[in-house]
Amino acid sequence: MPRDISARGRDRAWSWSLDDWDRMWRPQMWLRNPPEPEDVHILHLGLILALASYANIISNEVLDEIWHIPFHLGIMGLAIVIARTAGTTWTSMGLRPDRIGRGLKVGGAVIGLIALVIAIGVALPITRDLFRDERIEDASVAWVLFQALVRVPLATALYEEVLFRGIVFGMLVRRMKPLVAGVVSSVLFGLWHILPTLDTIGTNPAGEVVDGPIGYTVAILLAVASTALAGVGFLLVRLYANSTYAAVLAHIGTNSTAMLGSLVVIYWL
């Protein structure tokens, strides 16, 4: 069985071979049990999730957005250290150096596809108003560009993808079927977006239809379901490339191109 080039002989960290990881995007792999199931180190995973939950509250309720980059990257670094202490390999987290190139190619292709969809949405009058985000209207062009090109790529896409598609999925799949690990990590990703939804529901065009406790509950449930589904999509991209960097680029494409589309609609159209 091929070994992780960075595992340093810690066999306890292995359950799937590198060949398995390269083929894990195929449906026939999703219901397979790990060849050598390993303890997922529940305490380590619990600590990572607790740390991420704390960071989610601080980011949404306390910190100004300008501080999200150093704070989130610091939390990500701590999570990686905890995962490595538990024996999680770079391969399990989708961070193998020799898969970076494929990750960039696959992720770049996804960005191109998303950008095409956004461009069509901006061009069509029937969908153009969906891009009229109050947060963009109230901000300067320079601030929006900073958000789309710097903060979102580093403090959102890189942070969340390494955390959920890298660390959490990588630890869960050491003892679970890939399908189960993918569902669990994606549901956690959906729940992660409850606070951001509450904070932005009043500034998004879709928020105009929300009214009262029932409306807010429905909006939150829809946000959790849609982001969980997006998490499944990001995971498939990550598995196809065997690289979390592909999912990072796909996430950047989803968030940043939408912001740039709003910028075009509000300031030029």
C-alpha atoms as a PDB file:
ATOM      1  CA  MET A   1       0.000   0.000   0.000  1.00  0.00           C
ATOM      2  CA  PRO A   2       1.453   3.425  -0.956  1.00  0.00           C
ATOM      3  CA  ARG A   3       2.307   5.574   2.033  1.00  0.00           C
ATOM      4  CA  ASP A   4       1.853   9.297   2.511  1.00  0.00           C
ATOM      5  CA  ILE A   5       5.141  11.031   1.680  1.00  0.00           C
ATOM      6  CA  SER A   6       4.709  13.128   4.825  1.00  0.00           C
ATOM      7  CA  ALA A   7       3.418  10.450   7.213  1.00  0.00           C
ATOM      8  CA  ARG A   8       6.920   9.756   8.569  1.00  0.00           C
ATOM      9  CA  GLY A   9       6.192   6.121   9.178  1.00  0.00           C
ATOM     10  CA  ARG A  10       3.084   6.625  11.309  1.00  0.00           C
ATOM     11  CA  ASP A  11       1.078   3.727   9.912  1.00  0.00           C
ATOM     12  CA  ARG A  12      -1.751   4.363  12.365  1.00  0.00           C
ATOM     13  CA  ALA A  13      -2.629   7.443  10.296  1.00  0.00           C
ATOM     14  CA  TRP A  14      -3.525   5.387   7.223  1.00  0.00           C
ATOM     15  CA  SER A  15      -6.724   3.725   6.133  1.00  0.00           C
ATOM     16  CA  TRP A  16      -7.012   4.508   2.393  1.00  0.00           C
ATOM     17  CA  SER A  17      -4.206   4.060  -0.113  1.00  0.00           C
ATOM     18  CA  LEU A  18      -3.160   6.873  -2.425  1.00  0.00           C
ATOM     19  CA  ASP A  19      -4.717   4.965  -5.330  1.00  0.00           C
ATOM     20  CA  ASP A  20      -7.991   4.853  -3.383  1.00  0.00           C
ATOM     21  CA  TRP A  21      -7.865   8.614  -2.848  1.00  0.00           C
ATOM     22  CA  ASP A  22      -7.279   9.214  -6.551  1.00  0.00           C
ATOM     23  CA  ARG A  23     -10.398   7.151  -7.332  1.00  0.00           C
ATOM     24  CA  MET A  24     -12.618   8.248  -4.436  1.00  0.00           C
ATOM     25  CA  TRP A  25     -14.651  10.583  -6.656  1.00  0.00           C
ATOM     26  CA  ARG A  26     -16.061   7.558  -8.483  1.00  0.00           C
ATOM     27  CA  PRO A  27     -19.540   6.443  -7.249  1.00  0.00           C
ATOM     28  CA  GLN A  28     -18.394   2.842  -6.793  1.00  0.00           C
ATOM     29  CA  MET A  29     -16.043   4.047  -4.042  1.00  0.00           C
ATOM     30  CA  TRP A  30     -18.640   5.951  -2.005  1.00  0.00           C
ATOM     31  CA  LEU A  31     -20.059   2.965  -0.127  1.00  0.00           C
ATOM     32  CA  ARG A  32     -16.766   1.188   0.473  1.00  0.00           C
ATOM     33  CA  ASN A  33     -15.565   0.729   4.018  1.00  0.00           C
ATOM     34  CA  PRO A  34     -12.031   1.929   4.772  1.00  0.00           C
ATOM     35  CA  PRO A  35      -9.599  -0.925   4.022  1.00  0.00           C
ATOM     36  CA  GLU A  36      -7.957  -0.413   7.403  1.00  0.00           C
ATOM     37  CA  PRO A  37     -10.427   1.504   9.592  1.00  0.00           C
ATOM     38  CA  GLU A  38      -8.707   3.764  12.102  1.00  0.00           C
ATOM     39  CA  ASP A  39      -9.902   5.491  15.221  1.00  0.00           C
ATOM     40  CA  VAL A  40     -11.057   8.936  14.131  1.00  0.00           C
ATOM     41  CA  HIS A  41      -9.792  10.428  17.402  1.00  0.00           C
ATOM     42  CA  ILE A  42     -13.129  11.839  18.516  1.00  0.00           C
ATOM     43  CA  LEU A  43     -11.549  14.104  21.122  1.00  0.00           C
ATOM     44  CA  HIS A  44      -9.278  15.729  18.546  1.00  0.00           C
ATOM     45  CA  LEU A  45     -12.131  16.153  16.074  1.00  0.00           C
ATOM     46  CA  GLY A  46     -14.378  17.504  18.834  1.00  0.00           C
ATOM     47  CA  LEU A  47     -11.698  20.007  19.789  1.00  0.00           C
ATOM     48  CA  ILE A  48     -11.389  21.158  16.168  1.00  0.00           C
ATOM     49  CA  LEU A  49     -15.165  21.604  15.846  1.00  0.00           C
ATOM     50  CA  ALA A  50     -15.340  23.453  19.168  1.00  0.00           C
ATOM     51  CA  LEU A  51     -12.505  25.732  18.061  1.00  0.00           C
ATOM     52  CA  ALA A  52     -14.222  26.382  14.733  1.00  0.00           C
ATOM     53  CA  SER A  53     -17.561  27.098  16.458  1.00  0.00           C
ATOM     54  CA  TYR A  54     -15.874  29.594  18.768  1.00  0.00           C
ATOM     55  CA  ALA A  55     -14.207  31.255  15.777  1.00  0.00           C
ATOM     56  CA  ASN A  56     -17.540  31.396  13.928  1.00  0.00           C
ATOM     57  CA  ILE A  57     -19.154  33.311  16.790  1.00  0.00           C
ATOM     58  CA  ILE A  58     -16.224  35.688  17.196  1.00  0.00           C
ATOM     59  CA  SER A  59     -16.029  36.369  13.457  1.00  0.00           C
ATOM     60  CA  ASN A  60     -19.731  37.087  13.033  1.00  0.00           C
ATOM     61  CA  GLU A  61     -20.470  38.883  16.291  1.00  0.00           C
ATOM     62  CA  VAL A  62     -17.240  40.548  17.441  1.00  0.00           C
ATOM     63  CA  LEU A  63     -14.507  41.048  14.846  1.00  0.00           C
ATOM     64  CA  ASP A  64     -14.504  43.603  12.077  1.00  0.00           C
ATOM     65  CA  GLU A  65     -14.072  41.971   8.653  1.00  0.00           C
ATOM     66  CA  ILE A  66     -10.597  43.453   8.266  1.00  0.00           C
ATOM     67  CA  TRP A  67      -9.391  41.116  11.036  1.00  0.00           C
ATOM     68  CA  HIS A  68     -10.915  37.977   9.557  1.00  0.00           C
ATOM     69  CA  ILE A  69      -7.823  37.103   7.510  1.00  0.00           C
ATOM     70  CA  PRO A  70      -5.266  36.767  10.350  1.00  0.00           C
ATOM     71  CA  PHE A  71      -7.849  35.330  12.746  1.00  0.00           C
ATOM     72  CA  HIS A  72      -9.156  32.668  10.381  1.00  0.00           C
ATOM     73  CA  LEU A  73      -5.716  31.676   9.127  1.00  0.00           C
ATOM     74  CA  GLY A  74      -4.587  31.313  12.748  1.00  0.00           C
ATOM     75  CA  ILE A  75      -7.568  29.084  13.571  1.00  0.00           C
ATOM     76  CA  MET A  76      -6.896  27.037  10.431  1.00  0.00           C
ATOM     77  CA  GLY A  77      -3.282  26.571  11.458  1.00  0.00           C
ATOM     78  CA  LEU A  78      -4.305  25.372  14.939  1.00  0.00           C
ATOM     79  CA  ALA A  79      -6.818  22.954  13.416  1.00  0.00           C
ATOM     80  CA  ILE A  80      -4.128  21.494  11.145  1.00  0.00           C
ATOM     81  CA  VAL A  81      -1.778  21.044  14.104  1.00  0.00           C
ATOM     82  CA  ILE A  82      -4.507  19.239  16.078  1.00  0.00           C
ATOM     83  CA  ALA A  83      -5.348  17.022  13.093  1.00  0.00           C
ATOM     84  CA  ARG A  84      -1.704  16.152  12.544  1.00  0.00           C
ATOM     85  CA  THR A  85      -1.329  15.365  16.244  1.00  0.00           C
ATOM     86  CA  ALA A  86      -4.181  12.886  15.774  1.00  0.00           C
ATOM     87  CA  GLY A  87      -2.215  11.220  12.961  1.00  0.00           C
ATOM     88  CA  THR A  88      -4.144  12.733  10.048  1.00  0.00           C
ATOM     89  CA  THR A  89      -1.950  12.804   6.945  1.00  0.00           C
ATOM     90  CA  TRP A  90      -1.560  15.495   4.310  1.00  0.00           C
ATOM     91  CA  THR A  91      -3.157  13.090   1.837  1.00  0.00           C
ATOM     92  CA  SER A  92      -6.231  12.678   4.046  1.00  0.00           C
ATOM     93  CA  MET A  93      -6.579  16.461   4.197  1.00  0.00           C
ATOM     94  CA  GLY A  94      -6.168  16.836   0.437  1.00  0.00           C
ATOM     95  CA  LEU A  95      -2.976  18.863   0.870  1.00  0.00           C
ATOM     96  CA  ARG A  96      -0.415  16.658  -0.866  1.00  0.00           C
ATOM     97  CA  PRO A  97       2.222  18.810  -2.629  1.00  0.00           C
ATOM     98  CA  ASP A  98       2.217  16.553  -5.689  1.00  0.00           C
ATOM     99  CA  ARG A  99      -1.526  17.094  -6.260  1.00  0.00           C
ATOM    100  CA  ILE A 100      -1.416  20.908  -6.169  1.00  0.00           C
ATOM    101  CA  GLY A 101      -1.059  21.178  -9.945  1.00  0.00           C
ATOM    102  CA  ARG A 102      -4.111  19.040 -10.637  1.00  0.00           C
ATOM    103  CA  GLY A 103      -6.033  20.912  -7.964  1.00  0.00           C
ATOM    104  CA  LEU A 104      -5.293  24.242  -9.624  1.00  0.00           C
ATOM    105  CA  LYS A 105      -6.304  22.934 -13.054  1.00  0.00           C
ATOM    106  CA  VAL A 106      -9.603  21.446 -11.868  1.00  0.00           C
ATOM    107  CA  GLY A 107     -10.406  24.427  -9.660  1.00  0.00           C
ATOM    108  CA  GLY A 108      -9.558  26.866 -12.449  1.00  0.00           C
ATOM    109  CA  ALA A 109     -11.952  25.057 -14.796  1.00  0.00           C
ATOM    110  CA  VAL A 110     -14.724  25.287 -12.183  1.00  0.00           C
ATOM    111  CA  ILE A 111     -14.084  29.023 -11.739  1.00  0.00           C
ATOM    112  CA  GLY A 112     -14.423  29.503 -15.498  1.00  0.00           C
ATOM    113  CA  LEU A 113     -17.762  27.670 -15.553  1.00  0.00           C
ATOM    114  CA  ILE A 114     -19.117  29.632 -12.575  1.00  0.00           C
ATOM    115  CA  ALA A 115     -17.953  32.936 -14.081  1.00  0.00           C
ATOM    116  CA  LEU A 116     -19.851  32.086 -17.283  1.00  0.00           C
ATOM    117  CA  VAL A 117     -23.060  31.419 -15.312  1.00  0.00           C
ATOM    118  CA  ILE A 118     -22.639  34.670 -13.334  1.00  0.00           C
ATOM    119  CA  ALA A 119     -22.028  36.631 -16.535  1.00  0.00           C
ATOM    120  CA  ILE A 120     -25.232  35.260 -18.055  1.00  0.00           C
ATOM    121  CA  GLY A 121     -27.140  36.121 -14.865  1.00  0.00           C
ATOM    122  CA  VAL A 122     -25.811  39.683 -14.949  1.00  0.00           C
ATOM    123  CA  ALA A 123     -26.589  40.088 -18.651  1.00  0.00           C
ATOM    124  CA  LEU A 124     -30.200  38.922 -18.431  1.00  0.00           C
ATOM    125  CA  PRO A 125     -32.618  41.604 -17.122  1.00  0.00           C
ATOM    126  CA  ILE A 126     -34.833  38.942 -15.524  1.00  0.00           C
ATOM    127  CA  THR A 127     -32.054  37.815 -13.155  1.00  0.00           C
ATOM    128  CA  ARG A 128     -30.024  41.030 -12.877  1.00  0.00           C
ATOM    129  CA  ASP A 129     -31.853  42.332  -9.788  1.00  0.00           C
ATOM    130  CA  LEU A 130     -30.748  39.268  -7.812  1.00  0.00           C
ATOM    131  CA  PHE A 131     -27.269  40.801  -7.798  1.00  0.00           C
ATOM    132  CA  ARG A 132     -28.383  44.058  -6.127  1.00  0.00           C
ATOM    133  CA  ASP A 133     -26.856  43.377  -2.722  1.00  0.00           C
ATOM    134  CA  GLU A 134     -27.137  46.257  -0.218  1.00  0.00           C
ATOM    135  CA  ARG A 135     -23.696  45.429   1.152  1.00  0.00           C
ATOM    136  CA  ILE A 136     -22.235  46.160  -2.277  1.00  0.00           C
ATOM    137  CA  GLU A 137     -24.352  49.292  -2.755  1.00  0.00           C
ATOM    138  CA  ASP A 138     -23.141  50.767   0.548  1.00  0.00           C
ATOM    139  CA  ALA A 139     -19.441  50.023  -0.073  1.00  0.00           C
ATOM    140  CA  SER A 140     -16.766  51.595  -2.249  1.00  0.00           C
ATOM    141  CA  VAL A 141     -15.449  49.844  -5.343  1.00  0.00           C
ATOM    142  CA  ALA A 142     -12.040  49.450  -3.682  1.00  0.00           C
ATOM    143  CA  TRP A 143     -13.600  47.759  -0.647  1.00  0.00           C
ATOM    144  CA  VAL A 144     -15.614  45.354  -2.782  1.00  0.00           C
ATOM    145  CA  LEU A 145     -12.508  44.441  -4.773  1.00  0.00           C
ATOM    146  CA  PHE A 146     -10.614  43.843  -1.530  1.00  0.00           C
ATOM    147  CA  GLN A 147     -13.422  41.582  -0.320  1.00  0.00           C
ATOM    148  CA  ALA A 148     -13.664  39.633  -3.566  1.00  0.00           C
ATOM    149  CA  LEU A 149      -9.965  39.298  -4.330  1.00  0.00           C
ATOM    150  CA  VAL A 150      -8.340  39.128  -0.880  1.00  0.00           C
ATOM    151  CA  ARG A 151     -10.619  38.549   2.105  1.00  0.00           C
ATOM    152  CA  VAL A 152     -12.949  35.975   0.549  1.00  0.00           C
ATOM    153  CA  PRO A 153     -10.148  33.855  -0.991  1.00  0.00           C
ATOM    154  CA  LEU A 154      -8.119  33.758   2.241  1.00  0.00           C
ATOM    155  CA  ALA A 155     -10.556  34.204   5.136  1.00  0.00           C
ATOM    156  CA  THR A 156     -13.498  32.307   3.640  1.00  0.00           C
ATOM    157  CA  ALA A 157     -12.594  29.919   0.823  1.00  0.00           C
ATOM    158  CA  LEU A 158      -9.183  28.698   1.986  1.00  0.00           C
ATOM    159  CA  TYR A 159     -10.241  28.632   5.637  1.00  0.00           C
ATOM    160  CA  GLU A 160     -13.538  26.799   5.189  1.00  0.00           C
ATOM    161  CA  GLU A 161     -12.338  24.324   2.569  1.00  0.00           C
ATOM    162  CA  VAL A 162      -9.260  23.251   4.520  1.00  0.00           C
ATOM    163  CA  LEU A 163     -11.440  22.956   7.616  1.00  0.00           C
ATOM    164  CA  PHE A 164     -14.435  21.046   6.201  1.00  0.00           C
ATOM    165  CA  ARG A 165     -13.332  19.333   2.968  1.00  0.00           C
ATOM    166  CA  GLY A 166      -9.802  18.852   4.234  1.00  0.00           C
ATOM    167  CA  ILE A 167      -9.598  18.235   7.966  1.00  0.00           C
ATOM    168  CA  VAL A 168     -13.128  17.194   8.994  1.00  0.00           C
ATOM    169  CA  PHE A 169     -13.787  14.955   5.979  1.00  0.00           C
ATOM    170  CA  GLY A 170     -10.237  13.605   6.097  1.00  0.00           C
ATOM    171  CA  MET A 171     -10.622  12.557   9.726  1.00  0.00           C
ATOM    172  CA  LEU A 172     -14.133  11.119   9.367  1.00  0.00           C
ATOM    173  CA  VAL A 173     -13.333   9.028   6.280  1.00  0.00           C
ATOM    174  CA  ARG A 174     -10.620   7.178   8.189  1.00  0.00           C
ATOM    175  CA  ARG A 175     -13.348   5.079   9.772  1.00  0.00           C
ATOM    176  CA  MET A 176     -16.499   5.845   7.737  1.00  0.00           C
ATOM    177  CA  LYS A 177     -17.647   5.195   4.208  1.00  0.00           C
ATOM    178  CA  PRO A 178     -16.864   8.218   1.998  1.00  0.00           C
ATOM    179  CA  LEU A 179     -20.571   8.871   1.407  1.00  0.00           C
ATOM    180  CA  VAL A 180     -21.306   9.006   5.137  1.00  0.00           C
ATOM    181  CA  ALA A 181     -18.269  11.147   5.880  1.00  0.00           C
ATOM    182  CA  GLY A 182     -19.244  13.474   3.040  1.00  0.00           C
ATOM    183  CA  VAL A 183     -22.824  13.877   4.276  1.00  0.00           C
ATOM    184  CA  VAL A 184     -21.723  14.537   7.859  1.00  0.00           C
ATOM    185  CA  SER A 185     -19.079  17.106   6.888  1.00  0.00           C
ATOM    186  CA  SER A 186     -21.492  18.832   4.486  1.00  0.00           C
ATOM    187  CA  VAL A 187     -24.267  19.061   7.099  1.00  0.00           C
ATOM    188  CA  LEU A 188     -21.775  20.580   9.531  1.00  0.00           C
ATOM    189  CA  PHE A 189     -20.839  23.062   6.803  1.00  0.00           C
ATOM    190  CA  GLY A 190     -24.510  23.945   6.399  1.00  0.00           C
ATOM    191  CA  LEU A 191     -25.003  24.506  10.133  1.00  0.00           C
ATOM    192  CA  TRP A 192     -21.863  26.663  10.088  1.00  0.00           C
ATOM    193  CA  HIS A 193     -23.793  29.221   8.002  1.00  0.00           C
ATOM    194  CA  ILE A 194     -26.624  29.890  10.463  1.00  0.00           C
ATOM    195  CA  LEU A 195     -24.973  32.968  12.002  1.00  0.00           C
ATOM    196  CA  PRO A 196     -23.879  34.474   8.662  1.00  0.00           C
ATOM    197  CA  THR A 197     -27.442  33.999   7.384  1.00  0.00           C
ATOM    198  CA  LEU A 198     -28.901  35.856  10.355  1.00  0.00           C
ATOM    199  CA  ASP A 199     -26.421  38.690   9.855  1.00  0.00           C
ATOM    200  CA  THR A 200     -27.034  39.149   6.122  1.00  0.00           C
ATOM    201  CA  ILE A 201     -30.667  38.215   5.630  1.00  0.00           C
ATOM    202  CA  GLY A 202     -31.779  41.832   5.761  1.00  0.00           C
ATOM    203  CA  THR A 203     -29.316  43.073   3.133  1.00  0.00           C
ATOM    204  CA  ASN A 204     -29.774  40.373   0.511  1.00  0.00           C
ATOM    205  CA  PRO A 205     -32.454  40.916  -2.168  1.00  0.00           C
ATOM    206  CA  ALA A 206     -33.976  37.528  -1.327  1.00  0.00           C
ATOM    207  CA  GLY A 207     -34.416  38.714   2.266  1.00  0.00           C
ATOM    208  CA  GLU A 208     -37.291  40.959   1.240  1.00  0.00           C
ATOM    209  CA  VAL A 209     -39.683  37.991   1.342  1.00  0.00           C
ATOM    210  CA  VAL A 210     -38.721  37.084   4.915  1.00  0.00           C
ATOM    211  CA  ASP A 211     -41.132  38.201   7.594  1.00  0.00           C
ATOM    212  CA  GLY A 212     -41.662  37.017  11.183  1.00  0.00           C
ATOM    213  CA  PRO A 213     -40.326  33.973  13.046  1.00  0.00           C
ATOM    214  CA  ILE A 214     -41.664  31.502  10.492  1.00  0.00           C
ATOM    215  CA  GLY A 215     -40.070  33.388   7.624  1.00  0.00           C
ATOM    216  CA  TYR A 216     -36.726  33.564   9.403  1.00  0.00           C
ATOM    217  CA  THR A 217     -36.881  29.869  10.275  1.00  0.00           C
ATOM    218  CA  VAL A 218     -37.602  28.933   6.671  1.00  0.00           C
ATOM    219  CA  ALA A 219     -34.803  31.211   5.461  1.00  0.00           C
ATOM    220  CA  ILE A 220     -32.313  29.619   7.871  1.00  0.00           C
ATOM    221  CA  LEU A 221     -33.354  26.091   6.914  1.00  0.00           C
ATOM    222  CA  LEU A 222     -33.010  26.946   3.227  1.00  0.00           C
ATOM    223  CA  ALA A 223     -29.587  28.487   3.869  1.00  0.00           C
ATOM    224  CA  VAL A 224     -28.417  25.408   5.777  1.00  0.00           C
ATOM    225  CA  ALA A 225     -29.737  23.073   3.073  1.00  0.00           C
ATOM    226  CA  SER A 226     -28.276  25.086   0.191  1.00  0.00           C
ATOM    227  CA  THR A 227     -24.838  25.470   1.786  1.00  0.00           C
ATOM    228  CA  ALA A 228     -24.794  21.790   2.736  1.00  0.00           C
ATOM    229  CA  LEU A 229     -25.544  20.981  -0.904  1.00  0.00           C
ATOM    230  CA  ALA A 230     -22.787  23.376  -1.962  1.00  0.00           C
ATOM    231  CA  GLY A 231     -20.510  21.524   0.453  1.00  0.00           C
ATOM    232  CA  VAL A 232     -21.264  18.281  -1.373  1.00  0.00           C
ATOM    233  CA  GLY A 233     -20.338  19.963  -4.645  1.00  0.00           C
ATOM    234  CA  PHE A 234     -17.071  21.312  -3.238  1.00  0.00           C
ATOM    235  CA  LEU A 235     -16.274  17.850  -1.872  1.00  0.00           C
ATOM    236  CA  LEU A 236     -16.794  16.231  -5.263  1.00  0.00           C
ATOM    237  CA  VAL A 237     -14.399  18.775  -6.790  1.00  0.00           C
ATOM    238  CA  ARG A 238     -11.878  18.049  -4.013  1.00  0.00           C
ATOM    239  CA  LEU A 239     -12.147  14.293  -4.546  1.00  0.00           C
ATOM    240  CA  TYR A 240     -11.969  14.515  -8.347  1.00  0.00           C
ATOM    241  CA  ALA A 241      -8.682  16.402  -8.101  1.00  0.00           C
ATOM    242  CA  ASN A 242      -7.559  14.629  -4.905  1.00  0.00           C
ATOM    243  CA  SER A 243      -6.717  18.151  -3.784  1.00  0.00           C
ATOM    244  CA  THR A 244      -8.465  20.521  -1.400  1.00  0.00           C
ATOM    245  CA  TYR A 245      -6.944  23.375  -3.406  1.00  0.00           C
ATOM    246  CA  ALA A 246      -9.439  22.589  -6.186  1.00  0.00           C
ATOM    247  CA  ALA A 247     -12.303  23.064  -3.721  1.00  0.00           C
ATOM    248  CA  VAL A 248     -10.731  26.327  -2.549  1.00  0.00           C
ATOM    249  CA  LEU A 249     -10.778  27.687  -6.099  1.00  0.00           C
ATOM    250  CA  ALA A 250     -14.349  26.466  -6.636  1.00  0.00           C
ATOM    251  CA  HIS A 251     -15.381  28.245  -3.434  1.00  0.00           C
ATOM    252  CA  ILE A 252     -13.630  31.441  -4.566  1.00  0.00           C
ATOM    253  CA  GLY A 253     -15.441  31.181  -7.876  1.00  0.00           C
ATOM    254  CA  THR A 254     -18.804  30.849  -6.152  1.00  0.00           C
ATOM    255  CA  ASN A 255     -18.380  33.751  -3.719  1.00  0.00           C
ATOM    256  CA  SER A 256     -16.040  36.213  -5.402  1.00  0.00           C
ATOM    257  CA  THR A 257     -17.540  36.113  -8.898  1.00  0.00           C
ATOM    258  CA  ALA A 258     -20.988  36.737  -7.402  1.00  0.00           C
ATOM    259  CA  MET A 259     -19.605  39.826  -5.616  1.00  0.00           C
ATOM    260  CA  LEU A 260     -17.959  41.041  -8.816  1.00  0.00           C
ATOM    261  CA  GLY A 261     -21.234  40.452 -10.650  1.00  0.00           C
ATOM    262  CA  SER A 262     -23.017  42.625  -8.074  1.00  0.00           C
ATOM    263  CA  LEU A 263     -20.348  45.287  -8.527  1.00  0.00           C
ATOM    264  CA  VAL A 264     -20.970  45.356 -12.288  1.00  0.00           C
ATOM    265  CA  VAL A 265     -24.754  45.542 -11.865  1.00  0.00           C
ATOM    266  CA  ILE A 266     -24.726  48.264  -9.206  1.00  0.00           C
ATOM    267  CA  TYR A 267     -21.980  50.542 -10.532  1.00  0.00           C
ATOM    268  CA  TRP A 268     -22.110  50.024 -14.294  1.00  0.00           C
ATOM    269  CA  LEU A 269     -25.520  48.635 -15.273  1.00  0.00           C
END
